[in-house]
Amino acid sequence: GVFSPVERAVVSYVDGGVVNDLPVDIARQIGADYVIAISGEGIGRIGSDHGDLYLKPSERLPGLFNFRPEAIANMIALGRRDAQIALKRAHFSPFHR
């Protein structure tokens, strides 16, 4: 993994994305009416339920651990553009399901 586990008492904690990188199932279990899922292209499991609206970057990200201001600005601009395109296609209604 990218991050080392953290030990607290007798429990090891790891990034939740290692087990479930797109926890749509959990959002539905706790009562979400609609789920907008955003993929960060992580390393963990992605189940078959991608939510009601699934956003995935249209271009390869320059590296999620690239914290240079210009890289962050580029990722934000890409996300904004992809979201605007996806939201134009989206139709939400109480009868969606």
PDB file of N, CA and C in Angstrom:
ATOM      1  N   GLY A   1       0.815  -1.196   0.000  1.00  0.00           N
ATOM      2  CA  GLY A   1       0.000   0.000   0.000  1.00  0.00           C
ATOM      3  C   GLY A   1       0.854   1.254   0.000  1.00  0.00           C
ATOM      4  N   VAL A   2       0.211   2.371  -0.093  1.00  0.00           N
ATOM      5  CA  VAL A   2       0.888   3.659  -0.103  1.00  0.00           C
ATOM      6  C   VAL A   2       1.161   4.125   1.317  1.00  0.00           C
ATOM      7  N   PHE A   3       0.173   3.953   2.180  1.00  0.00           N
ATOM      8  CA  PHE A   3       0.318   4.387   3.570  1.00  0.00           C
ATOM      9  C   PHE A   3       0.532   3.169   4.463  1.00  0.00           C
ATOM     10  N   SER A   4       1.406   3.304   5.414  1.00  0.00           N
ATOM     11  CA  SER A   4       1.629   2.229   6.375  1.00  0.00           C
ATOM     12  C   SER A   4       0.447   2.162   7.337  1.00  0.00           C
ATOM     13  N   PRO A   5       0.088   0.953   7.775  1.00  0.00           N
ATOM     14  CA  PRO A   5      -0.975   0.837   8.776  1.00  0.00           C
ATOM     15  C   PRO A   5      -0.598   1.599  10.040  1.00  0.00           C
ATOM     16  N   VAL A   6      -1.596   2.094  10.742  1.00  0.00           N
ATOM     17  CA  VAL A   6      -1.395   2.800  12.005  1.00  0.00           C
ATOM     18  C   VAL A   6      -1.906   1.893  13.111  1.00  0.00           C
ATOM     19  N   GLU A   7      -1.096   1.700  14.117  1.00  0.00           N
ATOM     20  CA  GLU A   7      -1.469   0.849  15.248  1.00  0.00           C
ATOM     21  C   GLU A   7      -2.007   1.710  16.382  1.00  0.00           C
ATOM     22  N   ARG A   8      -3.188   1.344  16.884  1.00  0.00           N
ATOM     23  CA  ARG A   8      -3.787   2.006  18.051  1.00  0.00           C
ATOM     24  C   ARG A   8      -4.266   0.902  18.975  1.00  0.00           C
ATOM     25  N   ALA A   9      -3.695   0.857  20.152  1.00  0.00           N
ATOM     26  CA  ALA A   9      -3.962  -0.226  21.099  1.00  0.00           C
ATOM     27  C   ALA A   9      -3.600  -1.535  20.406  1.00  0.00           C
ATOM     28  N   VAL A  10      -4.542  -2.426  20.187  1.00  0.00           N
ATOM     29  CA  VAL A  10      -4.245  -3.694  19.532  1.00  0.00           C
ATOM     30  C   VAL A  10      -4.880  -3.780  18.143  1.00  0.00           C
ATOM     31  N   VAL A  11      -5.264  -2.630  17.592  1.00  0.00           N
ATOM     32  CA  VAL A  11      -5.949  -2.599  16.305  1.00  0.00           C
ATOM     33  C   VAL A  11      -5.070  -1.901  15.269  1.00  0.00           C
ATOM     34  N   SER A  12      -5.018  -2.478  14.063  1.00  0.00           N
ATOM     35  CA  SER A  12      -4.319  -1.857  12.940  1.00  0.00           C
ATOM     36  C   SER A  12      -5.348  -1.171  12.046  1.00  0.00           C
ATOM     37  N   TYR A  13      -5.077   0.066  11.663  1.00  0.00           N
ATOM     38  CA  TYR A  13      -5.962   0.821  10.786  1.00  0.00           C
ATOM     39  C   TYR A  13      -5.251   1.083   9.464  1.00  0.00           C
ATOM     40  N   VAL A  14      -5.978   0.898   8.358  1.00  0.00           N
ATOM     41  CA  VAL A  14      -5.444   1.201   7.038  1.00  0.00           C
ATOM     42  C   VAL A  14      -6.442   2.109   6.325  1.00  0.00           C
ATOM     43  N   ASP A  15      -6.003   2.741   5.256  1.00  0.00           N
ATOM     44  CA  ASP A  15      -6.866   3.579   4.441  1.00  0.00           C
ATOM     45  C   ASP A  15      -8.070   2.755   3.986  1.00  0.00           C
ATOM     46  N   GLY A  16      -9.282   3.272   4.175  1.00  0.00           N
ATOM     47  CA  GLY A  16     -10.494   2.554   3.799  1.00  0.00           C
ATOM     48  C   GLY A  16     -10.573   2.218   2.326  1.00  0.00           C
ATOM     49  N   GLY A  17      -9.895   2.989   1.490  1.00  0.00           N
ATOM     50  CA  GLY A  17      -9.895   2.729   0.059  1.00  0.00           C
ATOM     51  C   GLY A  17      -9.236   1.417  -0.319  1.00  0.00           C
ATOM     52  N   VAL A  18      -8.439   0.860   0.561  1.00  0.00           N
ATOM     53  CA  VAL A  18      -7.800  -0.424   0.290  1.00  0.00           C
ATOM     54  C   VAL A  18      -8.862  -1.532   0.247  1.00  0.00           C
ATOM     55  N   VAL A  19      -9.874  -1.411   1.084  1.00  0.00           N
ATOM     56  CA  VAL A  19     -10.929  -2.413   1.169  1.00  0.00           C
ATOM     57  C   VAL A  19     -12.094  -2.089   0.238  1.00  0.00           C
ATOM     58  N   ASN A  20     -12.471  -0.816   0.160  1.00  0.00           N
ATOM     59  CA  ASN A  20     -13.628  -0.420  -0.631  1.00  0.00           C
ATOM     60  C   ASN A  20     -13.386   0.990  -1.149  1.00  0.00           C
ATOM     61  N   ASP A  21     -12.928   1.091  -2.381  1.00  0.00           N
ATOM     62  CA  ASP A  21     -12.529   2.389  -2.933  1.00  0.00           C
ATOM     63  C   ASP A  21     -13.709   3.247  -3.399  1.00  0.00           C
ATOM     64  N   LEU A  22     -14.885   2.647  -3.526  1.00  0.00           N
ATOM     65  CA  LEU A  22     -16.069   3.391  -3.944  1.00  0.00           C
ATOM     66  C   LEU A  22     -17.255   2.835  -3.152  1.00  0.00           C
ATOM     67  N   PRO A  23     -17.417   3.263  -1.881  1.00  0.00           N
ATOM     68  CA  PRO A  23     -18.381   2.630  -0.976  1.00  0.00           C
ATOM     69  C   PRO A  23     -19.842   3.038  -1.215  1.00  0.00           C
ATOM     70  N   VAL A  24     -20.312   2.843  -2.441  1.00  0.00           N
ATOM     71  CA  VAL A  24     -21.703   3.150  -2.780  1.00  0.00           C
ATOM     72  C   VAL A  24     -22.642   2.288  -1.949  1.00  0.00           C
ATOM     73  N   ASP A  25     -22.282   1.026  -1.748  1.00  0.00           N
ATOM     74  CA  ASP A  25     -23.135   0.123  -0.974  1.00  0.00           C
ATOM     75  C   ASP A  25     -23.373   0.655   0.435  1.00  0.00           C
ATOM     76  N   ILE A  26     -22.364   1.248   1.035  1.00  0.00           N
ATOM     77  CA  ILE A  26     -22.505   1.787   2.386  1.00  0.00           C
ATOM     78  C   ILE A  26     -23.412   3.014   2.373  1.00  0.00           C
ATOM     79  N   ALA A  27     -23.265   3.875   1.377  1.00  0.00           N
ATOM     80  CA  ALA A  27     -24.143   5.043   1.269  1.00  0.00           C
ATOM     81  C   ALA A  27     -25.601   4.617   1.158  1.00  0.00           C
ATOM     82  N   ARG A  28     -25.866   3.590   0.371  1.00  0.00           N
ATOM     83  CA  ARG A  28     -27.241   3.097   0.220  1.00  0.00           C
ATOM     84  C   ARG A  28     -27.742   2.483   1.528  1.00  0.00           C
ATOM     85  N   GLN A  29     -26.878   1.748   2.233  1.00  0.00           N
ATOM     86  CA  GLN A  29     -27.271   1.110   3.497  1.00  0.00           C
ATOM     87  C   GLN A  29     -27.684   2.135   4.549  1.00  0.00           C
ATOM     88  N   ILE A  30     -27.054   3.305   4.526  1.00  0.00           N
ATOM     89  CA  ILE A  30     -27.399   4.310   5.543  1.00  0.00           C
ATOM     90  C   ILE A  30     -28.488   5.259   5.057  1.00  0.00           C
ATOM     91  N   GLY A  31     -29.103   4.941   3.885  1.00  0.00           N
ATOM     92  CA  GLY A  31     -30.310   5.647   3.477  1.00  0.00           C
ATOM     93  C   GLY A  31     -30.185   6.696   2.398  1.00  0.00           C
ATOM     94  N   ALA A  32     -29.105   6.727   1.657  1.00  0.00           N
ATOM     95  CA  ALA A  32     -28.969   7.724   0.597  1.00  0.00           C
ATOM     96  C   ALA A  32     -30.041   7.505  -0.473  1.00  0.00           C
ATOM     97  N   ASP A  33     -30.713   8.575  -0.871  1.00  0.00           N
ATOM     98  CA  ASP A  33     -31.713   8.493  -1.941  1.00  0.00           C
ATOM     99  C   ASP A  33     -31.033   8.407  -3.301  1.00  0.00           C
ATOM    100  N   TYR A  34     -29.992   9.182  -3.492  1.00  0.00           N
ATOM    101  CA  TYR A  34     -29.218   9.184  -4.731  1.00  0.00           C
ATOM    102  C   TYR A  34     -27.752   9.188  -4.353  1.00  0.00           C
ATOM    103  N   VAL A  35     -26.944   8.510  -5.139  1.00  0.00           N
ATOM    104  CA  VAL A  35     -25.516   8.463  -4.866  1.00  0.00           C
ATOM    105  C   VAL A  35     -24.770   8.981  -6.087  1.00  0.00           C
ATOM    106  N   ILE A  36     -24.008  10.042  -5.862  1.00  0.00           N
ATOM    107  CA  ILE A  36     -23.098  10.540  -6.882  1.00  0.00           C
ATOM    108  C   ILE A  36     -21.723  10.047  -6.469  1.00  0.00           C
ATOM    109  N   ALA A  37     -21.178   9.133  -7.243  1.00  0.00           N
ATOM    110  CA  ALA A  37     -19.908   8.496  -6.903  1.00  0.00           C
ATOM    111  C   ALA A  37     -18.793   9.100  -7.745  1.00  0.00           C
ATOM    112  N   ILE A  38     -17.697   9.418  -7.100  1.00  0.00           N
ATOM    113  CA  ILE A  38     -16.561  10.032  -7.778  1.00  0.00           C
ATOM    114  C   ILE A  38     -15.345   9.128  -7.600  1.00  0.00           C
ATOM    115  N   SER A  39     -14.828   8.631  -8.711  1.00  0.00           N
ATOM    116  CA  SER A  39     -13.662   7.762  -8.666  1.00  0.00           C
ATOM    117  C   SER A  39     -12.392   8.600  -8.668  1.00  0.00           C
ATOM    118  N   GLY A  40     -11.504   8.292  -7.742  1.00  0.00           N
ATOM    119  CA  GLY A  40     -10.198   8.938  -7.718  1.00  0.00           C
ATOM    120  C   GLY A  40      -9.127   8.045  -8.291  1.00  0.00           C
ATOM    121  N   GLU A  41      -9.542   6.973  -8.976  1.00  0.00           N
ATOM    122  CA  GLU A  41      -8.606   6.004  -9.541  1.00  0.00           C
ATOM    123  C   GLU A  41      -7.672   5.457  -8.472  1.00  0.00           C
ATOM    124  N   GLY A  42      -8.264   4.986  -7.393  1.00  0.00           N
ATOM    125  CA  GLY A  42      -7.469   4.441  -6.300  1.00  0.00           C
ATOM    126  C   GLY A  42      -7.014   3.021  -6.581  1.00  0.00           C
ATOM    127  N   ILE A  43      -6.603   2.335  -5.517  1.00  0.00           N
ATOM    128  CA  ILE A  43      -6.055   0.990  -5.677  1.00  0.00           C
ATOM    129  C   ILE A  43      -6.984  -0.081  -5.147  1.00  0.00           C
ATOM    130  N   GLY A  44      -8.051   0.300  -4.473  1.00  0.00           N
ATOM    131  CA  GLY A  44      -8.914  -0.675  -3.824  1.00  0.00           C
ATOM    132  C   GLY A  44     -10.012  -1.209  -4.714  1.00  0.00           C
ATOM    133  N   ARG A  45     -10.846  -2.028  -4.117  1.00  0.00           N
ATOM    134  CA  ARG A  45     -11.964  -2.670  -4.798  1.00  0.00           C
ATOM    135  C   ARG A  45     -13.036  -1.651  -5.125  1.00  0.00           C
ATOM    136  N   ILE A  46     -13.628  -1.794  -6.311  1.00  0.00           N
ATOM    137  CA  ILE A  46     -14.806  -1.029  -6.683  1.00  0.00           C
ATOM    138  C   ILE A  46     -15.874  -2.051  -7.009  1.00  0.00           C
ATOM    139  N   GLY A  47     -16.974  -2.019  -6.261  1.00  0.00           N
ATOM    140  CA  GLY A  47     -18.048  -2.983  -6.463  1.00  0.00           C
ATOM    141  C   GLY A  47     -18.801  -2.734  -7.765  1.00  0.00           C
ATOM    142  N   SER A  48     -19.853  -3.517  -7.969  1.00  0.00           N
ATOM    143  CA  SER A  48     -20.633  -3.413  -9.208  1.00  0.00           C
ATOM    144  C   SER A  48     -21.576  -2.217  -9.199  1.00  0.00           C
ATOM    145  N   ASP A  49     -21.927  -1.698  -8.019  1.00  0.00           N
ATOM    146  CA  ASP A  49     -22.822  -0.542  -7.923  1.00  0.00           C
ATOM    147  C   ASP A  49     -21.971   0.728  -7.963  1.00  0.00           C
ATOM    148  N   HIS A  50     -22.076   1.461  -9.054  1.00  0.00           N
ATOM    149  CA  HIS A  50     -21.307   2.693  -9.214  1.00  0.00           C
ATOM    150  C   HIS A  50     -22.121   3.930  -8.889  1.00  0.00           C
ATOM    151  N   GLY A  51     -23.283   3.738  -8.284  1.00  0.00           N
ATOM    152  CA  GLY A  51     -24.111   4.873  -7.904  1.00  0.00           C
ATOM    153  C   GLY A  51     -25.054   5.278  -9.019  1.00  0.00           C
ATOM    154  N   ASP A  52     -25.813   6.311  -8.753  1.00  0.00           N
ATOM    155  CA  ASP A  52     -26.775   6.816  -9.731  1.00  0.00           C
ATOM    156  C   ASP A  52     -26.100   7.697 -10.770  1.00  0.00           C
ATOM    157  N   LEU A  53     -25.017   8.317 -10.375  1.00  0.00           N
ATOM    158  CA  LEU A  53     -24.207   9.116 -11.291  1.00  0.00           C
ATOM    159  C   LEU A  53     -22.757   8.827 -10.938  1.00  0.00           C
ATOM    160  N   TYR A  54     -22.018   8.300 -11.897  1.00  0.00           N
ATOM    161  CA  TYR A  54     -20.640   7.891 -11.655  1.00  0.00           C
ATOM    162  C   TYR A  54     -19.715   8.823 -12.414  1.00  0.00           C
ATOM    163  N   LEU A  55     -18.854   9.496 -11.685  1.00  0.00           N
ATOM    164  CA  LEU A  55     -17.886  10.413 -12.285  1.00  0.00           C
ATOM    165  C   LEU A  55     -16.500   9.799 -12.191  1.00  0.00           C
ATOM    166  N   LYS A  56     -15.880   9.672 -13.338  1.00  0.00           N
ATOM    167  CA  LYS A  56     -14.516   9.155 -13.404  1.00  0.00           C
ATOM    168  C   LYS A  56     -13.729  10.124 -14.268  1.00  0.00           C
ATOM    169  N   PRO A  57     -12.494  10.434 -13.897  1.00  0.00           N
ATOM    170  CA  PRO A  57     -11.714  11.382 -14.699  1.00  0.00           C
ATOM    171  C   PRO A  57     -11.635  10.967 -16.163  1.00  0.00           C
ATOM    172  N   SER A  58     -11.827  11.923 -17.056  1.00  0.00           N
ATOM    173  CA  SER A  58     -11.767  11.640 -18.492  1.00  0.00           C
ATOM    174  C   SER A  58     -10.327  11.552 -18.989  1.00  0.00           C
ATOM    175  N   GLU A  59      -9.414  11.993 -18.161  1.00  0.00           N
ATOM    176  CA  GLU A  59      -7.990  11.920 -18.498  1.00  0.00           C
ATOM    177  C   GLU A  59      -7.249  11.312 -17.323  1.00  0.00           C
ATOM    178  N   ARG A  60      -6.119  10.737 -17.603  1.00  0.00           N
ATOM    179  CA  ARG A  60      -5.291  10.166 -16.531  1.00  0.00           C
ATOM    180  C   ARG A  60      -4.844  11.286 -15.591  1.00  0.00           C
ATOM    181  N   LEU A  61      -5.029  11.075 -14.302  1.00  0.00           N
ATOM    182  CA  LEU A  61      -4.602  12.074 -13.323  1.00  0.00           C
ATOM    183  C   LEU A  61      -3.080  12.100 -13.244  1.00  0.00           C
ATOM    184  N   PRO A  62      -2.512  13.282 -12.987  1.00  0.00           N
ATOM    185  CA  PRO A  62      -1.051  13.396 -12.976  1.00  0.00           C
ATOM    186  C   PRO A  62      -0.391  12.751 -11.772  1.00  0.00           C
ATOM    187  N   GLY A  63      -1.153  12.207 -10.888  1.00  0.00           N
ATOM    188  CA  GLY A  63      -0.593  11.594  -9.690  1.00  0.00           C
ATOM    189  C   GLY A  63      -1.283  12.156  -8.464  1.00  0.00           C
ATOM    190  N   LEU A  64      -1.979  11.303  -7.745  1.00  0.00           N
ATOM    191  CA  LEU A  64      -2.749  11.775  -6.591  1.00  0.00           C
ATOM    192  C   LEU A  64      -1.857  12.294  -5.465  1.00  0.00           C
ATOM    193  N   PHE A  65      -0.581  11.986  -5.533  1.00  0.00           N
ATOM    194  CA  PHE A  65       0.321  12.455  -4.485  1.00  0.00           C
ATOM    195  C   PHE A  65       1.242  13.550  -4.995  1.00  0.00           C
ATOM    196  N   ASN A  66       0.822  14.194  -6.070  1.00  0.00           N
ATOM    197  CA  ASN A  66       1.541  15.343  -6.606  1.00  0.00           C
ATOM    198  C   ASN A  66       0.859  16.582  -6.027  1.00  0.00           C
ATOM    199  N   PHE A  67       1.461  17.186  -5.039  1.00  0.00           N
ATOM    200  CA  PHE A  67       0.842  18.298  -4.332  1.00  0.00           C
ATOM    201  C   PHE A  67       1.342  19.667  -4.797  1.00  0.00           C
ATOM    202  N   ARG A  68       1.977  19.704  -5.957  1.00  0.00           N
ATOM    203  CA  ARG A  68       2.388  21.003  -6.500  1.00  0.00           C
ATOM    204  C   ARG A  68       1.134  21.787  -6.854  1.00  0.00           C
ATOM    205  N   PRO A  69       1.114  23.098  -6.579  1.00  0.00           N
ATOM    206  CA  PRO A  69      -0.095  23.900  -6.827  1.00  0.00           C
ATOM    207  C   PRO A  69      -0.635  23.783  -8.246  1.00  0.00           C
ATOM    208  N   GLU A  70       0.249  23.737  -9.243  1.00  0.00           N
ATOM    209  CA  GLU A  70      -0.248  23.650 -10.625  1.00  0.00           C
ATOM    210  C   GLU A  70      -0.888  22.290 -10.907  1.00  0.00           C
ATOM    211  N   ALA A  71      -0.372  21.217 -10.308  1.00  0.00           N
ATOM    212  CA  ALA A  71      -0.967  19.890 -10.491  1.00  0.00           C
ATOM    213  C   ALA A  71      -2.346  19.835  -9.834  1.00  0.00           C
ATOM    214  N   ILE A  72      -2.445  20.404  -8.653  1.00  0.00           N
ATOM    215  CA  ILE A  72      -3.734  20.441  -7.955  1.00  0.00           C
ATOM    216  C   ILE A  72      -4.742  21.261  -8.753  1.00  0.00           C
ATOM    217  N   ALA A  73      -4.325  22.416  -9.251  1.00  0.00           N
ATOM    218  CA  ALA A  73      -5.213  23.263 -10.051  1.00  0.00           C
ATOM    219  C   ALA A  73      -5.689  22.529 -11.302  1.00  0.00           C
ATOM    220  N   ASN A  74      -4.808  21.775 -11.942  1.00  0.00           N
ATOM    221  CA  ASN A  74      -5.184  21.011 -13.130  1.00  0.00           C
ATOM    222  C   ASN A  74      -6.187  19.908 -12.795  1.00  0.00           C
ATOM    223  N   MET A  75      -5.988  19.216 -11.676  1.00  0.00           N
ATOM    224  CA  MET A  75      -6.927  18.166 -11.283  1.00  0.00           C
ATOM    225  C   MET A  75      -8.293  18.744 -10.945  1.00  0.00           C
ATOM    226  N   ILE A  76      -8.302  19.891 -10.271  1.00  0.00           N
ATOM    227  CA  ILE A  76      -9.576  20.541  -9.942  1.00  0.00           C
ATOM    228  C   ILE A  76     -10.293  20.977 -11.213  1.00  0.00           C
ATOM    229  N   ALA A  77      -9.568  21.552 -12.152  1.00  0.00           N
ATOM    230  CA  ALA A  77     -10.182  21.999 -13.414  1.00  0.00           C
ATOM    231  C   ALA A  77     -10.742  20.807 -14.188  1.00  0.00           C
ATOM    232  N   LEU A  78     -10.012  19.689 -14.223  1.00  0.00           N
ATOM    233  CA  LEU A  78     -10.490  18.492 -14.905  1.00  0.00           C
ATOM    234  C   LEU A  78     -11.758  17.974 -14.226  1.00  0.00           C
ATOM    235  N   GLY A  79     -11.750  17.915 -12.913  1.00  0.00           N
ATOM    236  CA  GLY A  79     -12.927  17.451 -12.177  1.00  0.00           C
ATOM    237  C   GLY A  79     -14.132  18.336 -12.411  1.00  0.00           C
ATOM    238  N   ARG A  80     -13.917  19.629 -12.407  1.00  0.00           N
ATOM    239  CA  ARG A  80     -15.016  20.569 -12.649  1.00  0.00           C
ATOM    240  C   ARG A  80     -15.594  20.367 -14.051  1.00  0.00           C
ATOM    241  N   ARG A  81     -14.725  20.244 -15.036  1.00  0.00           N
ATOM    242  CA  ARG A  81     -15.186  20.063 -16.419  1.00  0.00           C
ATOM    243  C   ARG A  81     -15.944  18.746 -16.573  1.00  0.00           C
ATOM    244  N   ASP A  82     -15.387  17.659 -16.037  1.00  0.00           N
ATOM    245  CA  ASP A  82     -16.049  16.362 -16.137  1.00  0.00           C
ATOM    246  C   ASP A  82     -17.395  16.369 -15.410  1.00  0.00           C
ATOM    247  N   ALA A  83     -17.461  17.013 -14.248  1.00  0.00           N
ATOM    248  CA  ALA A  83     -18.721  17.079 -13.495  1.00  0.00           C
ATOM    249  C   ALA A  83     -19.773  17.883 -14.246  1.00  0.00           C
ATOM    250  N   GLN A  84     -19.393  18.995 -14.841  1.00  0.00           N
ATOM    251  CA  GLN A  84     -20.353  19.798 -15.596  1.00  0.00           C
ATOM    252  C   GLN A  84     -20.935  19.001 -16.765  1.00  0.00           C
ATOM    253  N   ILE A  85     -20.107  18.245 -17.449  1.00  0.00           N
ATOM    254  CA  ILE A  85     -20.579  17.418 -18.565  1.00  0.00           C
ATOM    255  C   ILE A  85     -21.532  16.335 -18.047  1.00  0.00           C
ATOM    256  N   ALA A  86     -21.143  15.656 -16.976  1.00  0.00           N
ATOM    257  CA  ALA A  86     -21.969  14.571 -16.427  1.00  0.00           C
ATOM    258  C   ALA A  86     -23.295  15.096 -15.895  1.00  0.00           C
ATOM    259  N   LEU A  87     -23.278  16.244 -15.224  1.00  0.00           N
ATOM    260  CA  LEU A  87     -24.513  16.774 -14.651  1.00  0.00           C
ATOM    261  C   LEU A  87     -25.499  17.222 -15.719  1.00  0.00           C
ATOM    262  N   LYS A  88     -25.025  17.590 -16.889  1.00  0.00           N
ATOM    263  CA  LYS A  88     -25.933  17.942 -17.987  1.00  0.00           C
ATOM    264  C   LYS A  88     -26.702  16.715 -18.458  1.00  0.00           C
ATOM    265  N   ARG A  89     -26.091  15.528 -18.319  1.00  0.00           N
ATOM    266  CA  ARG A  89     -26.741  14.278 -18.736  1.00  0.00           C
ATOM    267  C   ARG A  89     -27.631  13.698 -17.640  1.00  0.00           C
ATOM    268  N   ALA A  90     -27.456  14.139 -16.409  1.00  0.00           N
ATOM    269  CA  ALA A  90     -28.125  13.524 -15.267  1.00  0.00           C
ATOM    270  C   ALA A  90     -29.601  13.912 -15.195  1.00  0.00           C
ATOM    271  N   HIS A  91     -30.393  12.953 -14.789  1.00  0.00           N
ATOM    272  CA  HIS A  91     -31.819  13.175 -14.552  1.00  0.00           C
ATOM    273  C   HIS A  91     -32.181  12.535 -13.226  1.00  0.00           C
ATOM    274  N   PHE A  92     -32.533  13.361 -12.267  1.00  0.00           N
ATOM    275  CA  PHE A  92     -32.906  12.842 -10.950  1.00  0.00           C
ATOM    276  C   PHE A  92     -34.394  13.058 -10.738  1.00  0.00           C
ATOM    277  N   SER A  93     -35.070  12.035 -10.300  1.00  0.00           N
ATOM    278  CA  SER A  93     -36.489  12.162  -9.979  1.00  0.00           C
ATOM    279  C   SER A  93     -36.819  11.177  -8.868  1.00  0.00           C
ATOM    280  N   PRO A  94     -37.938  11.369  -8.191  1.00  0.00           N
ATOM    281  CA  PRO A  94     -38.299  10.422  -7.126  1.00  0.00           C
ATOM    282  C   PRO A  94     -38.575   9.026  -7.674  1.00  0.00           C
ATOM    283  N   PHE A  95     -38.768   8.917  -8.980  1.00  0.00           N
ATOM    284  CA  PHE A  95     -39.070   7.634  -9.592  1.00  0.00           C
ATOM    285  C   PHE A  95     -37.851   7.062 -10.298  1.00  0.00           C
ATOM    286  N   HIS A  96     -36.688   7.582  -9.987  1.00  0.00           N
ATOM    287  CA  HIS A  96     -35.441   7.192 -10.658  1.00  0.00           C
ATOM    288  C   HIS A  96     -35.216   5.681 -10.598  1.00  0.00           C
ATOM    289  N   ARG A  97     -35.441   5.102  -9.459  1.00  0.00           N
ATOM    290  CA  ARG A  97     -35.184   3.661  -9.295  1.00  0.00           C
ATOM    291  C   ARG A  97     -36.408   2.941  -9.693  1.00  0.00           C
TER     292      ARG A  97
END
